[in-house]
N, C-alpha and C. Protein backbone atom coordinates (compact mmCIF):
# COMPACT_ATOMS: atom_id res chain seq x y z
N UNK A 1 152.28 -98.09 -54.93
CA UNK A 1 153.31 -99.06 -55.26
C UNK A 1 153.52 -99.07 -56.77
N UNK A 2 154.77 -99.11 -57.14
CA UNK A 2 155.13 -99.26 -58.55
C UNK A 2 156.22 -100.32 -58.65
N UNK A 3 156.41 -100.76 -59.87
CA UNK A 3 157.45 -101.72 -60.19
C UNK A 3 158.28 -101.07 -61.28
N UNK A 4 159.60 -101.17 -61.15
CA UNK A 4 160.48 -100.54 -62.13
C UNK A 4 161.57 -101.51 -62.55
N UNK A 5 162.04 -101.32 -63.77
CA UNK A 5 163.20 -102.05 -64.28
C UNK A 5 164.31 -101.02 -64.40
N UNK A 6 165.42 -101.30 -63.73
CA UNK A 6 166.58 -100.41 -63.74
C UNK A 6 167.73 -101.10 -64.47
N UNK A 7 168.42 -100.36 -65.30
CA UNK A 7 169.61 -100.85 -65.98
C UNK A 7 170.81 -100.20 -65.31
N UNK A 8 171.75 -101.02 -64.86
CA UNK A 8 172.94 -100.54 -64.17
C UNK A 8 174.17 -100.86 -65.00
N UNK A 9 175.10 -99.91 -65.07
CA UNK A 9 176.34 -100.14 -65.80
C UNK A 9 177.48 -99.37 -65.18
N UNK A 10 178.68 -99.91 -65.32
CA UNK A 10 179.89 -99.26 -64.81
C UNK A 10 181.07 -99.65 -65.69
N UNK A 11 181.95 -98.68 -65.95
CA UNK A 11 183.16 -99.02 -66.70
C UNK A 11 184.40 -98.27 -66.22
N UNK A 12 184.34 -97.69 -65.04
CA UNK A 12 185.50 -97.06 -64.42
C UNK A 12 185.72 -97.65 -63.04
N UNK A 13 186.96 -97.77 -62.63
CA UNK A 13 187.27 -98.27 -61.29
C UNK A 13 186.90 -99.74 -61.16
N UNK A 14 186.54 -100.13 -59.95
CA UNK A 14 186.13 -101.51 -59.68
C UNK A 14 184.66 -101.66 -60.09
N UNK A 15 184.46 -102.02 -61.34
CA UNK A 15 183.12 -102.08 -61.92
C UNK A 15 182.21 -103.01 -61.13
N UNK A 16 182.70 -104.18 -60.81
CA UNK A 16 181.88 -105.17 -60.09
C UNK A 16 181.49 -104.65 -58.71
N UNK A 17 182.43 -104.02 -58.02
CA UNK A 17 182.13 -103.49 -56.69
C UNK A 17 181.06 -102.40 -56.76
N UNK A 18 181.12 -101.56 -57.78
CA UNK A 18 180.12 -100.50 -57.93
C UNK A 18 178.73 -101.09 -58.15
N UNK A 19 178.66 -102.11 -59.00
CA UNK A 19 177.36 -102.74 -59.26
C UNK A 19 176.87 -103.50 -58.03
N UNK A 20 177.78 -104.23 -57.38
CA UNK A 20 177.39 -104.96 -56.15
C UNK A 20 176.87 -104.00 -55.10
N UNK A 21 177.53 -102.86 -54.92
CA UNK A 21 177.11 -101.89 -53.90
C UNK A 21 175.72 -101.35 -54.22
N UNK A 22 175.46 -101.04 -55.48
CA UNK A 22 174.14 -100.53 -55.86
C UNK A 22 173.06 -101.60 -55.68
N UNK A 23 173.35 -102.82 -56.09
CA UNK A 23 172.37 -103.90 -55.93
C UNK A 23 172.12 -104.22 -54.46
N UNK A 24 173.18 -104.16 -53.65
CA UNK A 24 173.04 -104.38 -52.21
C UNK A 24 172.19 -103.27 -51.58
N UNK A 25 172.41 -102.04 -52.02
CA UNK A 25 171.60 -100.93 -51.50
C UNK A 25 170.12 -101.12 -51.83
N UNK A 26 169.83 -101.58 -53.03
CA UNK A 26 168.43 -101.84 -53.41
C UNK A 26 167.85 -102.99 -52.57
N UNK A 27 168.67 -104.01 -52.33
CA UNK A 27 168.23 -105.12 -51.49
C UNK A 27 167.97 -104.63 -50.06
N UNK A 28 168.89 -103.80 -49.54
CA UNK A 28 168.74 -103.26 -48.19
C UNK A 28 167.52 -102.34 -48.08
N UNK A 29 167.16 -101.68 -49.18
CA UNK A 29 165.95 -100.85 -49.21
C UNK A 29 164.69 -101.71 -49.10
N UNK A 30 164.84 -103.01 -49.36
CA UNK A 30 163.69 -103.91 -49.35
C UNK A 30 162.86 -103.84 -50.62
N UNK A 31 163.45 -103.33 -51.71
CA UNK A 31 162.69 -103.16 -52.94
C UNK A 31 163.12 -104.09 -54.06
N UNK A 32 164.24 -104.78 -53.90
CA UNK A 32 164.77 -105.63 -54.97
C UNK A 32 163.93 -106.89 -55.12
N UNK A 33 163.35 -107.06 -56.29
CA UNK A 33 162.53 -108.23 -56.60
C UNK A 33 163.37 -109.29 -57.30
N UNK A 34 164.19 -108.85 -58.25
CA UNK A 34 165.04 -109.76 -59.02
C UNK A 34 166.20 -108.96 -59.58
N UNK A 35 167.28 -109.68 -59.89
CA UNK A 35 168.43 -109.03 -60.50
C UNK A 35 169.11 -110.03 -61.41
N UNK A 36 169.76 -109.51 -62.41
CA UNK A 36 170.53 -110.37 -63.31
C UNK A 36 171.91 -110.59 -62.74
N UNK A 37 172.61 -111.52 -63.35
CA UNK A 37 174.04 -111.63 -63.11
C UNK A 37 174.68 -110.45 -63.82
N UNK A 38 175.98 -110.35 -63.75
CA UNK A 38 176.68 -109.28 -64.45
C UNK A 38 177.06 -109.74 -65.85
N UNK A 39 177.05 -108.79 -66.76
CA UNK A 39 177.41 -109.04 -68.15
C UNK A 39 178.44 -108.01 -68.57
N UNK A 40 179.49 -108.46 -69.26
CA UNK A 40 180.44 -107.51 -69.82
C UNK A 40 180.01 -107.18 -71.23
N UNK A 41 180.04 -105.89 -71.54
CA UNK A 41 179.54 -105.41 -72.82
C UNK A 41 180.46 -104.34 -73.38
N UNK A 42 180.50 -104.24 -74.70
CA UNK A 42 181.29 -103.15 -75.28
C UNK A 42 180.62 -101.81 -74.97
N UNK A 43 181.40 -100.73 -74.95
CA UNK A 43 180.79 -99.42 -74.69
C UNK A 43 179.83 -99.06 -75.81
N UNK A 44 178.83 -98.26 -75.44
CA UNK A 44 177.82 -97.81 -76.39
C UNK A 44 177.97 -96.31 -76.54
N UNK A 45 177.91 -95.82 -77.75
CA UNK A 45 177.98 -94.39 -77.97
C UNK A 45 179.26 -93.97 -78.66
N UNK A 46 179.40 -92.65 -78.90
CA UNK A 46 180.48 -92.13 -79.73
C UNK A 46 181.81 -91.89 -78.99
N UNK A 47 181.87 -92.15 -77.69
CA UNK A 47 183.06 -91.83 -76.91
C UNK A 47 183.91 -93.09 -76.70
N UNK A 48 185.21 -93.00 -76.99
CA UNK A 48 186.14 -94.11 -76.77
C UNK A 48 186.26 -94.35 -75.27
N UNK A 49 186.08 -95.62 -74.84
CA UNK A 49 186.11 -95.92 -73.41
C UNK A 49 186.22 -97.43 -73.19
N UNK A 50 186.50 -97.84 -71.95
CA UNK A 50 186.64 -99.26 -71.65
C UNK A 50 185.28 -99.98 -71.64
N UNK A 51 185.30 -101.33 -71.65
CA UNK A 51 184.05 -102.09 -71.61
C UNK A 51 183.31 -101.90 -70.30
N UNK A 52 182.03 -102.14 -70.37
CA UNK A 52 181.13 -102.02 -69.21
C UNK A 52 180.87 -103.37 -68.57
N UNK A 53 180.50 -103.32 -67.31
CA UNK A 53 179.74 -104.39 -66.69
C UNK A 53 178.34 -103.85 -66.55
N UNK A 54 177.36 -104.68 -66.88
CA UNK A 54 175.96 -104.27 -66.82
C UNK A 54 175.13 -105.29 -66.05
N UNK A 55 174.03 -104.83 -65.51
CA UNK A 55 173.06 -105.70 -64.83
C UNK A 55 171.69 -105.05 -64.93
N UNK A 56 170.67 -105.85 -64.69
CA UNK A 56 169.29 -105.38 -64.60
C UNK A 56 168.80 -105.66 -63.19
N UNK A 57 168.07 -104.70 -62.64
CA UNK A 57 167.41 -104.89 -61.35
C UNK A 57 165.92 -104.61 -61.54
N UNK A 58 165.10 -105.50 -61.02
CA UNK A 58 163.66 -105.29 -60.99
C UNK A 58 163.33 -104.94 -59.54
N UNK A 59 162.68 -103.80 -59.37
CA UNK A 59 162.39 -103.29 -58.03
C UNK A 59 160.90 -102.99 -57.90
N UNK A 60 160.42 -103.02 -56.66
CA UNK A 60 159.01 -102.72 -56.40
C UNK A 60 158.94 -102.01 -55.06
N UNK A 61 158.21 -100.90 -55.03
CA UNK A 61 158.11 -100.16 -53.78
C UNK A 61 157.18 -98.97 -53.87
N UNK A 62 157.23 -98.17 -52.82
CA UNK A 62 156.33 -97.02 -52.67
C UNK A 62 156.83 -95.77 -53.39
N UNK A 63 157.54 -95.92 -54.45
CA UNK A 63 158.03 -94.77 -55.21
C UNK A 63 157.25 -94.63 -56.50
N UNK A 64 157.11 -93.38 -56.95
CA UNK A 64 156.59 -93.17 -58.29
C UNK A 64 157.79 -93.15 -59.24
N UNK A 65 157.55 -92.89 -60.52
CA UNK A 65 158.63 -92.93 -61.50
C UNK A 65 159.74 -91.94 -61.14
N UNK A 66 159.38 -90.74 -60.74
CA UNK A 66 160.39 -89.75 -60.35
C UNK A 66 161.15 -90.20 -59.10
N UNK A 67 160.48 -90.92 -58.21
CA UNK A 67 161.15 -91.47 -57.04
C UNK A 67 162.20 -92.49 -57.41
N UNK A 68 161.91 -93.32 -58.44
CA UNK A 68 162.91 -94.30 -58.90
C UNK A 68 164.09 -93.57 -59.55
N UNK A 69 163.80 -92.49 -60.29
CA UNK A 69 164.88 -91.71 -60.88
C UNK A 69 165.74 -91.08 -59.78
N UNK A 70 165.11 -90.56 -58.75
CA UNK A 70 165.86 -89.97 -57.64
C UNK A 70 166.74 -91.04 -56.98
N UNK A 71 166.20 -92.24 -56.79
CA UNK A 71 166.99 -93.32 -56.18
C UNK A 71 168.15 -93.70 -57.09
N UNK A 72 167.92 -93.73 -58.40
CA UNK A 72 168.99 -94.02 -59.35
C UNK A 72 170.12 -93.00 -59.21
N UNK A 73 169.76 -91.73 -59.09
CA UNK A 73 170.77 -90.67 -58.93
C UNK A 73 171.51 -90.80 -57.61
N UNK A 74 170.80 -91.20 -56.55
CA UNK A 74 171.46 -91.42 -55.26
C UNK A 74 172.49 -92.54 -55.36
N UNK A 75 172.14 -93.62 -56.05
CA UNK A 75 173.07 -94.74 -56.22
C UNK A 75 174.30 -94.30 -57.01
N UNK A 76 174.07 -93.52 -58.07
CA UNK A 76 175.18 -93.01 -58.87
C UNK A 76 176.08 -92.10 -58.03
N UNK A 77 175.47 -91.22 -57.26
CA UNK A 77 176.24 -90.30 -56.42
C UNK A 77 177.08 -91.07 -55.40
N UNK A 78 176.50 -92.11 -54.81
CA UNK A 78 177.23 -92.92 -53.84
C UNK A 78 178.45 -93.59 -54.47
N UNK A 79 178.39 -93.82 -55.78
CA UNK A 79 179.51 -94.45 -56.50
C UNK A 79 180.49 -93.42 -57.06
N UNK A 80 180.26 -92.14 -56.75
CA UNK A 80 181.16 -91.10 -57.22
C UNK A 80 180.94 -90.67 -58.65
N UNK A 81 179.75 -90.87 -59.17
CA UNK A 81 179.43 -90.52 -60.55
C UNK A 81 179.47 -89.01 -60.75
N UNK A 82 180.10 -88.59 -61.83
CA UNK A 82 180.03 -87.21 -62.27
C UNK A 82 179.45 -87.21 -63.68
N UNK A 83 178.75 -86.16 -64.03
CA UNK A 83 178.12 -86.07 -65.35
C UNK A 83 178.84 -85.00 -66.17
N UNK A 84 179.92 -85.43 -66.84
CA UNK A 84 180.72 -84.48 -67.61
C UNK A 84 180.57 -84.68 -69.11
N UNK A 85 180.58 -85.93 -69.56
CA UNK A 85 180.51 -86.23 -70.99
C UNK A 85 179.32 -87.15 -71.24
N UNK A 86 178.41 -86.73 -72.12
CA UNK A 86 177.27 -87.58 -72.45
C UNK A 86 177.77 -88.87 -73.09
N UNK A 87 177.27 -89.98 -72.60
CA UNK A 87 177.65 -91.32 -73.06
C UNK A 87 179.12 -91.63 -72.80
N UNK A 88 179.72 -90.91 -71.87
CA UNK A 88 181.12 -91.14 -71.53
C UNK A 88 181.27 -92.21 -70.47
N UNK A 89 182.53 -92.49 -70.13
CA UNK A 89 182.83 -93.48 -69.10
C UNK A 89 182.27 -93.02 -67.76
N UNK A 90 181.91 -94.00 -66.91
CA UNK A 90 181.33 -93.63 -65.61
C UNK A 90 181.54 -94.73 -64.58
N UNK A 91 181.57 -94.29 -63.32
CA UNK A 91 181.71 -95.23 -62.22
C UNK A 91 180.42 -96.02 -62.02
N UNK A 92 179.27 -95.39 -62.30
CA UNK A 92 177.98 -96.08 -62.23
C UNK A 92 176.96 -95.27 -63.00
N UNK A 93 176.19 -95.96 -63.80
CA UNK A 93 175.07 -95.36 -64.52
C UNK A 93 173.84 -96.20 -64.20
N UNK A 94 172.78 -95.57 -63.74
CA UNK A 94 171.54 -96.29 -63.45
C UNK A 94 170.43 -95.60 -64.24
N UNK A 95 169.84 -96.33 -65.18
CA UNK A 95 168.73 -95.81 -65.98
C UNK A 95 167.43 -96.48 -65.56
N UNK A 96 166.37 -95.69 -65.51
CA UNK A 96 165.03 -96.23 -65.31
C UNK A 96 164.53 -96.62 -66.69
N UNK A 97 164.35 -97.91 -66.92
CA UNK A 97 163.97 -98.42 -68.23
C UNK A 97 162.45 -98.39 -68.40
N UNK A 98 161.73 -98.88 -67.39
CA UNK A 98 160.27 -98.94 -67.47
C UNK A 98 159.71 -98.95 -66.05
N UNK A 99 158.52 -98.39 -65.92
CA UNK A 99 157.81 -98.37 -64.64
C UNK A 99 156.37 -98.77 -64.90
N UNK A 100 155.82 -99.61 -64.03
CA UNK A 100 154.40 -99.98 -64.12
C UNK A 100 153.75 -99.76 -62.77
N UNK A 101 152.46 -99.45 -62.82
CA UNK A 101 151.69 -99.30 -61.59
C UNK A 101 151.24 -100.65 -61.08
N UNK A 102 150.63 -100.63 -59.91
CA UNK A 102 150.11 -101.87 -59.31
C UNK A 102 149.11 -102.57 -60.22
N UNK A 103 148.41 -101.80 -61.03
CA UNK A 103 147.41 -102.37 -61.93
C UNK A 103 148.04 -102.94 -63.20
N UNK A 104 149.38 -102.85 -63.32
CA UNK A 104 150.07 -103.36 -64.49
C UNK A 104 150.16 -102.37 -65.64
N UNK A 105 149.52 -101.21 -65.48
CA UNK A 105 149.56 -100.21 -66.54
C UNK A 105 150.93 -99.53 -66.57
N UNK A 106 151.50 -99.39 -67.77
CA UNK A 106 152.81 -98.73 -67.86
C UNK A 106 152.70 -97.25 -67.53
N UNK A 107 153.73 -96.74 -66.89
CA UNK A 107 153.85 -95.30 -66.66
C UNK A 107 154.56 -94.74 -67.89
N UNK A 108 153.92 -93.78 -68.54
CA UNK A 108 154.48 -93.17 -69.74
C UNK A 108 154.86 -91.73 -69.43
N UNK A 109 156.00 -91.30 -69.97
CA UNK A 109 156.44 -89.93 -69.75
C UNK A 109 157.28 -89.49 -70.94
N UNK A 110 157.02 -88.27 -71.41
CA UNK A 110 157.86 -87.70 -72.47
C UNK A 110 158.68 -86.53 -71.94
N UNK A 111 158.79 -86.45 -70.62
CA UNK A 111 159.63 -85.44 -69.99
C UNK A 111 161.08 -85.71 -70.35
N UNK A 112 161.84 -84.71 -70.82
CA UNK A 112 163.24 -84.95 -71.19
C UNK A 112 164.10 -85.48 -70.03
N UNK A 113 163.73 -85.19 -68.79
CA UNK A 113 164.49 -85.70 -67.64
C UNK A 113 164.17 -87.15 -67.33
N UNK A 114 162.99 -87.60 -67.72
CA UNK A 114 162.58 -88.98 -67.46
C UNK A 114 161.59 -89.42 -68.53
N UNK A 115 162.13 -89.93 -69.62
CA UNK A 115 161.30 -90.45 -70.70
C UNK A 115 161.04 -91.92 -70.42
N UNK A 116 159.76 -92.29 -70.37
CA UNK A 116 159.38 -93.68 -70.09
C UNK A 116 158.40 -94.18 -71.12
N UNK A 117 158.62 -95.43 -71.58
CA UNK A 117 159.80 -96.24 -71.28
C UNK A 117 161.05 -95.58 -71.87
N UNK A 118 162.21 -96.05 -71.43
CA UNK A 118 163.48 -95.49 -71.90
C UNK A 118 163.47 -95.49 -73.43
N UNK A 119 163.77 -94.36 -74.05
CA UNK A 119 163.60 -94.25 -75.50
C UNK A 119 164.52 -95.11 -76.36
N UNK A 120 165.62 -95.60 -75.81
CA UNK A 120 166.53 -96.41 -76.61
C UNK A 120 166.70 -97.83 -76.07
N UNK A 121 165.95 -98.19 -75.06
CA UNK A 121 166.10 -99.52 -74.46
C UNK A 121 165.89 -100.63 -75.49
N UNK A 122 164.96 -100.44 -76.41
CA UNK A 122 164.65 -101.48 -77.40
C UNK A 122 165.80 -101.73 -78.37
N UNK A 123 166.80 -100.83 -78.40
CA UNK A 123 167.95 -100.96 -79.30
C UNK A 123 169.18 -101.51 -78.60
N UNK A 124 169.13 -101.66 -77.29
CA UNK A 124 170.33 -101.93 -76.51
C UNK A 124 170.38 -103.35 -75.97
N UNK A 125 171.26 -104.14 -76.56
CA UNK A 125 171.41 -105.53 -76.13
C UNK A 125 171.82 -105.60 -74.67
N UNK A 126 172.61 -104.64 -74.19
CA UNK A 126 173.08 -104.69 -72.80
C UNK A 126 171.95 -104.49 -71.80
N UNK A 127 170.82 -103.98 -72.26
CA UNK A 127 169.62 -103.87 -71.42
C UNK A 127 168.74 -105.10 -71.63
N UNK A 128 168.48 -105.43 -72.87
CA UNK A 128 167.50 -106.47 -73.20
C UNK A 128 167.95 -107.88 -72.85
N UNK A 129 169.22 -108.22 -73.10
CA UNK A 129 169.67 -109.59 -72.85
C UNK A 129 169.55 -109.96 -71.37
N UNK A 130 170.11 -109.16 -70.45
CA UNK A 130 169.96 -109.53 -69.03
C UNK A 130 168.50 -109.49 -68.56
N UNK A 131 167.72 -108.55 -69.06
CA UNK A 131 166.31 -108.45 -68.67
C UNK A 131 165.57 -109.70 -69.12
N UNK A 132 165.83 -110.16 -70.33
CA UNK A 132 165.17 -111.35 -70.86
C UNK A 132 165.51 -112.58 -70.02
N UNK A 133 166.74 -112.67 -69.53
CA UNK A 133 167.13 -113.80 -68.69
C UNK A 133 166.39 -113.75 -67.35
N UNK A 134 166.28 -112.56 -66.77
CA UNK A 134 165.62 -112.40 -65.46
C UNK A 134 164.11 -112.57 -65.57
N UNK A 135 163.53 -112.04 -66.63
CA UNK A 135 162.07 -112.08 -66.82
C UNK A 135 161.74 -112.48 -68.26
N UNK A 136 161.69 -113.77 -68.54
CA UNK A 136 161.45 -114.23 -69.92
C UNK A 136 160.12 -113.78 -70.53
N UNK A 137 159.16 -113.37 -69.71
CA UNK A 137 157.87 -112.92 -70.25
C UNK A 137 157.74 -111.40 -70.22
N UNK A 138 158.82 -110.70 -69.97
CA UNK A 138 158.78 -109.24 -69.84
C UNK A 138 158.36 -108.57 -71.14
N UNK A 139 157.71 -107.42 -70.96
CA UNK A 139 157.28 -106.60 -72.09
C UNK A 139 157.82 -105.19 -71.87
N UNK A 140 158.43 -104.62 -72.90
CA UNK A 140 158.83 -103.22 -72.88
C UNK A 140 157.64 -102.43 -73.44
N UNK A 141 156.99 -101.62 -72.61
CA UNK A 141 155.78 -100.93 -73.06
C UNK A 141 155.99 -100.18 -74.38
N UNK A 142 155.03 -100.39 -75.29
CA UNK A 142 155.06 -99.74 -76.59
C UNK A 142 155.98 -100.39 -77.60
N UNK A 143 156.77 -101.38 -77.15
CA UNK A 143 157.74 -102.02 -78.05
C UNK A 143 157.51 -103.52 -78.20
N UNK A 144 156.95 -104.17 -77.18
CA UNK A 144 156.67 -105.59 -77.27
C UNK A 144 157.48 -106.42 -76.29
N UNK A 145 157.38 -107.74 -76.50
CA UNK A 145 158.07 -108.68 -75.61
C UNK A 145 159.58 -108.50 -75.73
N UNK A 146 160.24 -108.51 -74.60
CA UNK A 146 161.69 -108.33 -74.58
C UNK A 146 162.38 -109.44 -75.38
N UNK A 147 161.90 -110.67 -75.25
CA UNK A 147 162.52 -111.77 -76.00
C UNK A 147 162.44 -111.54 -77.51
N UNK A 148 161.36 -110.96 -77.99
CA UNK A 148 161.23 -110.66 -79.42
C UNK A 148 162.13 -109.49 -79.82
N UNK A 149 162.29 -108.54 -78.92
CA UNK A 149 163.19 -107.42 -79.20
C UNK A 149 164.64 -107.91 -79.29
N UNK A 150 165.01 -108.85 -78.41
CA UNK A 150 166.35 -109.43 -78.47
C UNK A 150 166.54 -110.14 -79.81
N UNK A 151 165.55 -110.90 -80.22
CA UNK A 151 165.63 -111.65 -81.48
C UNK A 151 165.76 -110.73 -82.69
N UNK A 152 165.24 -109.51 -82.58
CA UNK A 152 165.29 -108.57 -83.69
C UNK A 152 166.61 -107.79 -83.77
N UNK A 153 167.42 -107.86 -82.72
CA UNK A 153 168.70 -107.16 -82.72
C UNK A 153 169.71 -107.84 -83.63
N UNK A 154 170.74 -107.09 -84.00
CA UNK A 154 171.85 -107.66 -84.76
C UNK A 154 172.47 -108.78 -83.91
N UNK A 155 172.58 -109.98 -84.45
CA UNK A 155 173.14 -111.10 -83.68
C UNK A 155 174.53 -110.79 -83.10
N UNK A 156 175.32 -109.98 -83.78
CA UNK A 156 176.65 -109.62 -83.27
C UNK A 156 176.52 -108.78 -82.00
N UNK A 157 175.51 -107.91 -81.94
CA UNK A 157 175.30 -107.10 -80.74
C UNK A 157 174.89 -107.98 -79.56
N UNK A 158 174.04 -108.97 -79.82
CA UNK A 158 173.60 -109.88 -78.77
C UNK A 158 174.78 -110.73 -78.29
N UNK A 159 175.58 -111.24 -79.24
CA UNK A 159 176.72 -112.08 -78.88
C UNK A 159 177.77 -111.31 -78.08
N UNK A 160 177.81 -110.00 -78.24
CA UNK A 160 178.80 -109.17 -77.52
C UNK A 160 178.45 -109.00 -76.05
N UNK A 161 177.24 -109.35 -75.65
CA UNK A 161 176.83 -109.27 -74.24
C UNK A 161 177.22 -110.60 -73.60
N UNK A 162 178.34 -110.58 -72.89
CA UNK A 162 178.93 -111.81 -72.34
C UNK A 162 178.71 -111.91 -70.84
N UNK A 163 178.15 -113.03 -70.42
CA UNK A 163 177.98 -113.27 -68.98
C UNK A 163 179.34 -113.16 -68.31
N UNK A 164 179.38 -112.43 -67.22
CA UNK A 164 180.65 -112.18 -66.50
C UNK A 164 180.63 -113.00 -65.24
N UNK A 165 181.32 -114.12 -65.26
CA UNK A 165 181.27 -115.08 -64.17
C UNK A 165 182.31 -114.85 -63.10
N UNK A 166 182.99 -113.73 -63.13
CA UNK A 166 184.03 -113.46 -62.15
C UNK A 166 183.46 -112.94 -60.84
N UNK A 167 182.14 -112.82 -60.75
CA UNK A 167 181.50 -112.27 -59.56
C UNK A 167 181.65 -113.21 -58.38
N UNK A 168 181.61 -114.50 -58.63
CA UNK A 168 181.61 -115.47 -57.53
C UNK A 168 182.99 -116.03 -57.28
């Protein structure tokens, strides 16, 4: 058994439907422990594109870290994701942010296909803000408490992560 934090984002097509479908699939898998509401965020990276909707999912199940990555890719594929432009627009992006074992020990990996914890998660308000709301005591392995990481970000970046209340 492992526990993973997944970051989900979409900025093409029906963004909310893509995120809802992925979160529902995780719930149907019986692995969803907690999830954030949706947040609208500006795009990240060098490519001009529309704003994202983002969410965090905390999952627990009989998968190892590579198994969570495989599930992330399955969710992306189900949403019609293609990988053409790095950091480009997408129908769904699911990143494995962190994985811990049953003993609470973080799973660490420097494999280019699955670096754990995610190498840029500590810089990304769209990951940290929803995660902090879902798990106020969360720790990003090797970086510290998520709440402290949020506090260390540029306040403008944090303010740009807007709760998206159009879901209900």
